[in-house]
Protein backbone atom coordinates (compact mmCIF):
# COMPACT_ATOMS: atom_id res chain seq x y z
CA MET A 1 -41.93 -19.05 -10.51
CA VAL A 2 -39.46 -16.54 -9.18
CA GLY A 3 -37.99 -18.69 -6.44
CA VAL A 4 -39.12 -19.02 -2.78
CA PRO A 5 -37.14 -16.02 -1.39
CA ARG A 6 -38.88 -13.68 -3.82
CA GLY A 7 -42.26 -15.41 -3.93
CA THR A 8 -45.50 -14.49 -2.27
CA ASN A 9 -46.97 -16.15 0.84
CA PHE A 10 -50.46 -14.91 0.79
CA ILE A 11 -51.76 -17.87 2.80
CA CYS A 12 -49.76 -16.73 5.88
CA ASN A 13 -49.43 -13.08 5.26
CA LYS A 14 -53.05 -11.83 5.46
CA GLY A 15 -52.04 -8.13 5.21
CA ASP A 16 -50.20 -8.64 1.93
CA ARG A 17 -53.04 -10.86 0.65
CA ASP A 18 -55.73 -8.34 1.44
CA ALA A 19 -53.75 -5.42 -0.06
CA TRP A 20 -53.04 -7.35 -3.29
CA LEU A 21 -56.71 -8.58 -3.65
CA GLY A 22 -57.96 -5.17 -2.91
CA ASP A 23 -55.91 -3.64 -5.78
CA TYR A 24 -56.86 -6.50 -8.13
CA LEU A 25 -60.57 -6.08 -7.44
CA LYS A 26 -60.24 -2.22 -7.82
CA SER A 27 -58.49 -2.72 -11.17
CA HIS A 28 -61.31 -4.90 -12.46
CA PRO A 29 -64.50 -3.08 -11.35
CA SER A 30 -67.51 -4.77 -12.92
CA GLU A 31 -69.37 -1.48 -13.34
CA TYR A 32 -66.59 -0.05 -15.54
CA MET A 33 -65.35 -3.00 -17.41
CA PHE A 34 -67.33 -2.12 -20.54
CA TRP A 35 -65.19 0.95 -20.93
CA LEU A 36 -61.98 -0.80 -20.21
CA LEU A 37 -62.60 -3.85 -22.41
CA GLU A 38 -64.81 -2.64 -25.24
CA THR A 39 -63.80 1.02 -25.82
CA PRO A 40 -60.13 1.45 -24.47
CA ASN A 41 -59.26 4.01 -27.13
CA LEU A 42 -62.31 6.12 -26.61
CA THR A 43 -61.88 5.88 -22.84
CA ALA A 44 -58.29 7.21 -23.25
CA ILE A 45 -59.43 10.16 -25.43
CA LEU A 46 -62.18 11.07 -22.96
CA ALA A 47 -59.59 10.90 -20.10
CA ARG A 48 -57.38 13.42 -21.92
CA VAL A 49 -60.10 16.01 -22.15
CA GLY A 50 -61.21 15.51 -18.60
CA LEU A 51 -64.25 13.32 -19.25
CA ASN A 52 -62.86 10.01 -18.04
CA PRO A 53 -65.79 7.59 -17.47
CA VAL A 54 -63.54 5.44 -15.27
CA PRO A 55 -62.60 6.65 -11.74
CA LYS A 56 -58.97 7.52 -11.06
CA TRP A 57 -58.65 4.82 -8.34
CA VAL A 58 -58.95 2.20 -11.08
CA ALA A 59 -55.78 3.38 -12.79
CA GLN A 60 -54.09 3.83 -9.43
CA ALA A 61 -54.73 0.14 -8.58
CA HIS A 62 -53.38 -0.85 -11.99
CA HIS A 63 -50.23 1.06 -11.25
CA ARG A 64 -49.72 -0.58 -7.89
CA LEU A 65 -50.06 -4.03 -9.44
CA GLU A 66 -47.60 -3.04 -12.12
CA HIS A 67 -45.00 -1.94 -9.68
CA TRP A 68 -45.54 -5.09 -7.67
CA ALA A 69 -44.84 -7.24 -10.76
CA TRP A 70 -41.87 -5.08 -11.84
CA ASP A 71 -40.34 -5.48 -8.36
CA LEU A 72 -40.47 -9.29 -8.77
CA VAL A 73 -38.82 -9.03 -12.15
CA ASP A 74 -36.04 -6.78 -10.89
CA ARG A 75 -35.35 -9.00 -7.83
CA SER A 76 -35.33 -12.12 -10.03
CA GLU A 77 -32.87 -10.45 -12.42
CA ALA A 78 -30.65 -9.52 -9.41
CA ALA A 79 -30.67 -13.14 -8.31
CA LEU A 80 -29.72 -14.42 -11.75
CA ALA A 81 -27.01 -11.98 -11.98
CA THR A 82 -25.29 -13.04 -8.77
CA THR A 83 -26.04 -16.76 -8.52
CA ASN A 84 -26.68 -19.86 -10.55
CA SER A 85 -28.81 -22.96 -10.05
CA LYS A 86 -25.93 -24.89 -8.54
CA ASP A 87 -25.50 -22.27 -5.77
CA LEU A 88 -29.12 -22.44 -4.63
CA GLY A 89 -31.11 -25.12 -2.96
CA ASP A 90 -34.52 -26.49 -4.02
CA GLY A 91 -36.99 -23.74 -4.75
CA LYS A 92 -34.63 -20.87 -4.29
CA PHE A 93 -33.56 -20.48 -7.97
CA PRO A 94 -36.13 -18.60 -10.18
CA LEU A 95 -36.32 -21.64 -12.47
CA VAL A 96 -39.63 -20.93 -14.30
CA TYR A 97 -38.84 -17.21 -14.57
CA ASN A 98 -35.36 -18.00 -16.06
CA GLN A 99 -36.89 -20.42 -18.67
CA LEU A 100 -39.40 -17.78 -19.72
CA ARG A 101 -36.65 -15.18 -19.94
CA LEU A 102 -34.50 -17.48 -22.15
CA ALA A 103 -37.49 -18.19 -24.43
CA LEU A 104 -38.23 -14.46 -24.84
CA ASN A 105 -34.56 -13.76 -25.67
CA GLN A 106 -34.54 -16.52 -28.26
CA GLU A 107 -37.74 -15.16 -29.78
CA ARG A 108 -36.20 -11.70 -29.90
CA ARG A 109 -33.06 -12.95 -31.72
CA GLN A 110 -35.31 -14.51 -34.40
CA ILE A 111 -37.37 -11.32 -34.76
CA TYR A 112 -34.56 -8.73 -34.74
CA GLU A 113 -31.89 -11.04 -36.33
CA ASN A 114 -28.61 -8.97 -36.16
CA GLU A 115 -30.06 -5.99 -34.26
CA ASP A 116 -29.04 -5.28 -30.67
CA ILE A 117 -31.75 -6.95 -28.60
CA THR A 118 -30.59 -5.25 -25.40
CA ALA A 119 -32.33 -2.09 -26.74
CA SER A 120 -35.66 -3.87 -25.99
CA HIS A 121 -34.84 -4.48 -22.34
CA ALA A 122 -37.71 -2.27 -21.16
CA GLU A 123 -40.18 -4.04 -23.31
CA GLN A 124 -38.99 -7.48 -22.11
CA ARG A 125 -39.27 -6.27 -18.55
CA ASP A 126 -42.89 -5.44 -19.20
CA GLU A 127 -43.48 -8.81 -20.77
CA LEU A 128 -41.95 -10.73 -17.89
CA ALA A 129 -43.93 -8.60 -15.40
CA SER A 130 -47.16 -9.34 -17.35
CA GLU A 131 -46.39 -13.12 -17.22
CA ILE A 132 -45.91 -12.93 -13.45
CA LEU A 133 -49.20 -11.09 -13.01
CA ASP A 134 -51.00 -13.48 -15.30
CA GLN A 135 -49.70 -16.44 -13.23
CA LEU A 136 -51.16 -15.00 -9.99
CA VAL A 137 -54.44 -13.78 -11.54
CA ALA A 138 -54.95 -17.24 -13.06
CA THR A 139 -54.32 -18.89 -9.72
CA ARG A 140 -57.03 -16.76 -8.13
CA ASP A 141 -59.66 -16.85 -10.97
CA VAL A 142 -59.18 -20.36 -12.30
CA PHE A 143 -57.85 -22.32 -9.42
CA GLY A 144 -59.11 -20.62 -6.33
CA ILE A 145 -62.67 -19.78 -7.33
CA THR A 146 -63.21 -22.93 -9.38
CA LEU A 147 -61.94 -25.22 -6.63
CA THR A 148 -64.23 -23.44 -4.16
CA TYR A 149 -67.27 -24.15 -6.38
CA ILE A 150 -66.22 -27.80 -6.83
CA LEU A 151 -65.97 -28.29 -3.02
CA TRP A 152 -69.39 -26.62 -2.65
CA GLU A 153 -71.04 -28.98 -5.09
CA ILE A 154 -69.47 -32.09 -3.55
CA SER A 155 -70.47 -30.94 -0.17
CA ARG A 156 -74.09 -30.51 -1.32
CA HIS A 157 -74.19 -34.03 -2.71
CA PRO A 158 -73.10 -36.53 -0.02
CA GLY A 159 -73.78 -39.56 -2.19
CA TRP A 160 -71.37 -38.48 -4.82
CA GLN A 161 -68.94 -37.46 -2.09
CA LYS A 162 -68.99 -40.99 -0.69
CA ASP A 163 -68.38 -42.51 -4.13
CA LEU A 164 -65.46 -40.10 -4.63
CA GLN A 165 -63.94 -41.03 -1.29
CA ASP A 166 -64.28 -44.73 -1.96
CA GLU A 167 -62.51 -44.30 -5.32
CA LEU A 168 -59.71 -42.22 -3.99
CA ARG A 169 -59.05 -44.47 -1.01
CA SER A 170 -59.06 -47.62 -3.17
CA VAL A 171 -56.16 -46.69 -5.50
CA GLU A 172 -52.71 -48.31 -4.99
CA GLN A 173 -51.09 -45.09 -3.64
CA PRO A 174 -53.78 -42.96 -2.03
CA LEU A 175 -53.03 -39.41 -1.08
CA LEU A 176 -53.14 -40.07 2.69
CA PHE A 177 -51.58 -37.34 4.72
CA SER A 178 -49.32 -39.96 6.31
CA ASN A 179 -47.83 -40.74 2.82
CA LEU A 180 -47.45 -37.22 1.52
CA SER A 181 -43.88 -36.81 2.95
CA ASN A 182 -42.78 -39.69 0.67
CA ARG A 183 -43.13 -38.48 -2.89
CA LYS A 184 -42.70 -41.94 -4.34
CA SER A 185 -45.82 -43.11 -2.63
CA MET A 186 -48.02 -40.51 -4.31
CA ILE A 187 -50.46 -41.44 -7.09
CA GLY A 188 -49.30 -40.14 -10.46
CA CYS A 189 -51.12 -37.48 -12.36
CA GLN A 190 -52.03 -39.72 -15.29
CA GLU A 191 -53.62 -42.34 -12.93
CA LEU A 192 -55.41 -39.54 -11.10
CA GLU A 193 -56.89 -38.27 -14.38
CA SER A 194 -58.15 -41.75 -15.19
CA LEU A 195 -60.22 -42.02 -12.08
CA PRO A 196 -63.86 -41.93 -13.37
CA VAL A 197 -65.71 -40.42 -10.38
CA LEU A 198 -63.09 -37.70 -9.84
CA SER A 199 -63.07 -36.84 -13.53
CA ILE A 200 -66.85 -36.43 -13.95
CA VAL A 201 -67.37 -34.65 -10.63
CA VAL A 202 -64.67 -32.04 -11.56
CA LYS A 203 -65.92 -31.68 -15.21
CA GLU A 204 -69.58 -31.24 -14.27
CA SER A 205 -68.59 -28.59 -11.70
CA MET A 206 -66.50 -26.73 -14.20
CA ARG A 207 -69.35 -26.86 -16.68
CA LEU A 208 -71.62 -24.92 -14.32
CA ARG A 209 -68.80 -22.67 -12.96
CA THR A 210 -66.78 -21.69 -15.99
CA THR A 211 -63.24 -20.31 -15.60
CA LEU A 212 -63.82 -17.62 -18.20
CA PRO A 213 -66.17 -14.90 -16.92
CA VAL A 214 -65.48 -12.57 -19.83
CA PRO A 215 -66.44 -12.82 -23.59
CA ASN A 216 -64.00 -14.48 -25.98
CA PRO A 217 -64.13 -12.13 -29.02
CA ARG A 218 -63.38 -13.36 -32.50
CA LEU A 219 -63.59 -11.76 -35.99
CA THR A 220 -65.35 -13.59 -38.71
CA PRO A 221 -63.11 -14.46 -41.67
CA ARG A 222 -62.94 -11.69 -44.29
CA GLY A 223 -63.98 -12.33 -47.93
CA ARG A 224 -66.88 -14.64 -47.12
CA THR A 225 -69.97 -15.01 -44.97
CA THR A 226 -69.99 -17.10 -41.78
CA THR A 227 -72.56 -19.10 -39.89
CA VAL A 228 -72.33 -19.00 -36.16
CA GLY A 229 -74.92 -21.19 -34.50
CA PRO A 230 -78.42 -20.05 -35.70
CA TYR A 231 -77.01 -16.84 -37.22
CA GLU A 232 -76.37 -17.13 -40.93
CA ASN A 233 -74.66 -14.98 -43.58
CA ILE A 234 -72.59 -12.88 -41.13
CA PRO A 235 -70.19 -10.63 -43.18
CA GLY A 236 -66.50 -10.88 -42.81
CA GLY A 237 -64.73 -8.77 -40.20
CA VAL A 238 -67.64 -8.73 -37.73
CA ARG A 239 -66.78 -9.30 -34.06
CA THR A 240 -68.57 -12.06 -32.28
CA ASN A 241 -68.43 -13.06 -28.61
CA SER A 242 -68.70 -16.48 -27.09
CA PHE A 243 -69.54 -17.11 -23.51
CA ALA A 244 -68.82 -20.49 -21.90
CA TRP A 245 -71.55 -19.82 -19.45
CA CYS A 246 -74.09 -19.84 -22.28
CA MET A 247 -72.49 -22.72 -24.22
CA HIS A 248 -72.49 -24.92 -21.04
CA ARG A 249 -76.26 -24.32 -20.57
CA ASP A 250 -77.42 -25.27 -24.02
CA PRO A 251 -80.37 -27.64 -23.34
CA SER A 252 -79.90 -29.34 -26.77
CA VAL A 253 -76.42 -30.54 -25.73
CA TYR A 254 -76.84 -30.70 -21.87
CA PRO A 255 -80.28 -31.82 -20.79
CA ASP A 256 -81.41 -30.13 -17.53
CA PRO A 257 -78.44 -27.73 -18.01
CA HIS A 258 -78.86 -25.92 -14.77
CA GLU A 259 -78.68 -29.12 -12.63
CA TRP A 260 -75.42 -30.53 -11.33
CA LYS A 261 -75.43 -34.03 -12.74
CA PRO A 262 -72.10 -35.78 -13.00
CA GLU A 263 -73.79 -38.89 -14.34
CA ARG A 264 -74.45 -37.11 -17.56
CA TRP A 265 -70.82 -37.70 -18.48
CA ILE A 266 -71.13 -41.54 -17.99
CA ARG A 267 -71.80 -42.33 -21.61
CA PHE A 268 -69.82 -43.00 -24.79
CA ASP A 269 -72.04 -42.05 -27.70
CA ARG A 270 -72.74 -39.12 -29.97
CA GLN A 271 -74.24 -36.98 -27.16
CA ARG A 272 -71.10 -37.38 -25.10
CA GLU A 273 -69.15 -36.31 -28.16
CA ASP A 274 -71.33 -33.23 -28.50
CA MET A 275 -70.91 -32.40 -24.76
CA ASP A 276 -67.10 -32.68 -24.99
CA ASN A 277 -67.04 -30.54 -28.21
CA GLN A 278 -69.07 -27.79 -26.55
CA PHE A 279 -67.22 -27.99 -23.22
CA TRP A 280 -65.35 -24.65 -23.23
CA ALA A 281 -64.00 -24.13 -19.80
CA PHE A 282 -60.55 -23.32 -21.12
CA GLY A 283 -61.54 -22.04 -24.65
CA SER A 284 -60.35 -23.79 -27.80
CA GLY A 285 -58.24 -23.54 -30.90
CA SER A 286 -55.31 -21.26 -31.09
CA ARG A 287 -56.53 -19.28 -28.07
CA LEU A 288 -56.78 -22.35 -25.84
CA CYS A 289 -55.64 -21.59 -22.24
CA LEU A 290 -51.93 -22.43 -22.13
CA GLY A 291 -52.26 -23.30 -18.44
CA MET A 292 -55.11 -25.79 -18.88
CA SER A 293 -53.03 -28.91 -18.19
CA LEU A 294 -51.42 -27.42 -15.00
CA ALA A 295 -54.74 -26.03 -13.87
CA MET A 296 -56.45 -29.45 -14.19
CA GLU A 297 -53.55 -31.23 -12.44
CA LEU A 298 -53.66 -28.83 -9.57
CA ILE A 299 -57.40 -29.14 -9.18
CA ASN A 300 -57.28 -32.98 -9.44
CA TYR A 301 -54.61 -33.24 -6.76
CA ALA A 302 -56.40 -30.69 -4.48
CA VAL A 303 -59.76 -32.46 -4.65
CA ALA A 304 -58.18 -35.92 -4.32
CA SER A 305 -56.14 -34.79 -1.29
CA ILE A 306 -59.18 -33.38 0.47
CA TYR A 307 -61.53 -36.24 -0.10
CA THR A 308 -59.04 -38.95 0.58
CA ASN A 309 -58.73 -37.52 4.07
CA PHE A 310 -61.93 -35.56 4.87
CA THR A 311 -65.67 -35.38 4.70
CA THR A 312 -66.90 -31.84 3.89
CA THR A 313 -70.24 -30.45 4.94
CA ILE A 314 -71.71 -26.94 4.41
CA VAL A 315 -71.79 -24.70 7.46
CA ASP A 316 -72.91 -21.47 5.73
CA ASP A 317 -73.33 -20.85 2.02
CA SER A 318 -75.82 -18.05 2.28
CA HIS A 319 -73.28 -15.60 0.92
CA PHE A 320 -71.81 -17.71 -1.79
CA GLY A 321 -72.64 -17.07 -5.49
CA THR A 322 -74.53 -19.90 -7.13
CA ASP A 323 -76.03 -20.52 -10.58
CA GLY A 324 -78.08 -17.39 -10.30
CA LYS A 325 -75.00 -15.36 -10.73
CA PHE A 326 -72.73 -15.09 -13.76
CA VAL A 327 -69.49 -15.70 -11.87
CA THR A 328 -68.43 -16.33 -8.29
CA GLY A 329 -65.49 -14.80 -6.52
CA LEU A 330 -67.05 -11.35 -6.10
CA PRO A 331 -66.38 -9.12 -3.11
CA GLY A 332 -68.36 -10.12 -0.06
CA GLU A 333 -68.90 -13.73 -1.11
CA ASP A 334 -68.19 -16.30 1.53
CA LEU A 335 -68.41 -20.12 1.89
CA VAL A 336 -67.94 -21.86 5.09
CA LEU A 337 -67.33 -25.61 5.09
CA ALA A 338 -66.56 -28.09 7.90
CA PHE A 339 -63.83 -30.68 7.27
CA ASP A 340 -64.26 -33.79 9.37
CA PRO A 341 -61.33 -36.26 9.27
CA LEU A 342 -62.07 -39.71 7.76
CA ALA A 343 -61.12 -42.78 9.74
CA PRO A 344 -57.49 -43.88 9.02
CA PHE A 345 -56.93 -47.11 7.16
CA ASP A 346 -54.08 -49.22 5.98
CA ALA A 347 -53.54 -48.58 2.32
CA LYS A 348 -51.86 -51.91 1.84
CA GLN A 349 -55.03 -53.78 2.99
CA LYS A 350 -57.57 -52.70 0.40
CA THR A 351 -61.28 -53.07 0.97
CA LYS A 352 -63.88 -52.95 -1.76
CA PRO A 353 -65.53 -49.49 -1.86
CA THR A 354 -69.03 -49.51 -0.60
CA LYS A 355 -71.92 -48.45 -2.81
CA SER A 356 -73.41 -45.01 -2.18
CA ALA A 357 -76.15 -44.90 0.44
CA ASN A 358 -78.16 -42.65 -1.78
CA SER A 359 -78.06 -44.73 -4.97
CA LYS A 360 -81.09 -42.96 -6.41
CA GLU A 361 -79.37 -39.62 -6.38
CA THR A 362 -75.81 -40.82 -7.13
CA PRO A 363 -75.46 -44.17 -8.84
CA SER A 364 -72.11 -45.76 -8.05
CA ILE A 365 -69.88 -46.42 -11.08
CA ILE A 366 -67.20 -48.24 -8.94
CA SER A 367 -67.35 -51.99 -9.35
């Protein structure tokens, strides 16, 4: 987003990663989120009179994250002021940041018309910093935690894992490590999305491990009553909350809702339509997650890359949050998997995928 020279490298820099995650977790303490999310104005008033229900270290963590994001904005602005895209190699120019910046400037011209938009520089700086922070937070919450849960479920179901490996290794351009250096040999994202086993394994995992661990508040339309599920005649202006965790466990839509059953999606009837309509991993309507397409593409490529080349087994999941918890990714959680390399094969000499050894548990849908 901001170019490689200014970007983070949390995979290699453990100290930076631990510091950032520490501040992020401190800024979102589960025991105090009610005050921060539901009563922010009251909380601010109480803080002014010395009765703050939220500890000071929460605000201090917020401030450190703000300064981290502002620093990325300032360094990106400095790069844009001294260079252009032609002067920098691949990945060095803050391309996404620049596009976002241009879009915000265009929006401001439309809002302020003939007014001097440079007067809003501080506000725009905050908006850009907020976007940067959102990008990294979404990467942790949506991609990192959700992908971990997907790998856990696949590792727990070796029959489905075998079906997935057969499917991924039977495509025209499999994601073999030996081919990854040649971009033209990689399977395209549209073809990847069309693979049936990959699609239903990912979707069923995301049904059980939703990406939205917080309520999605909505106000009922004013001037009339509204029906929400079994609740009728709700007056206008009433706040309602929707939880994907609950919607995805509705037994009238998802039979055996607590069971991981990818086969439930192998159908094309009214029940499948109902399941799709109630699938709320990314929200819906005008508040649909803007990063949904990118998130799904990243998850599909990550899962496909792993199971084209490896078999995963669980070493230790005793400290990993499961269906008994509302959301995974909490402090202290840990999942240890073993990655065993699959036997190499010549992608040009295709062999018909073998049927799952445990057909009772995981019926193969590959012909």
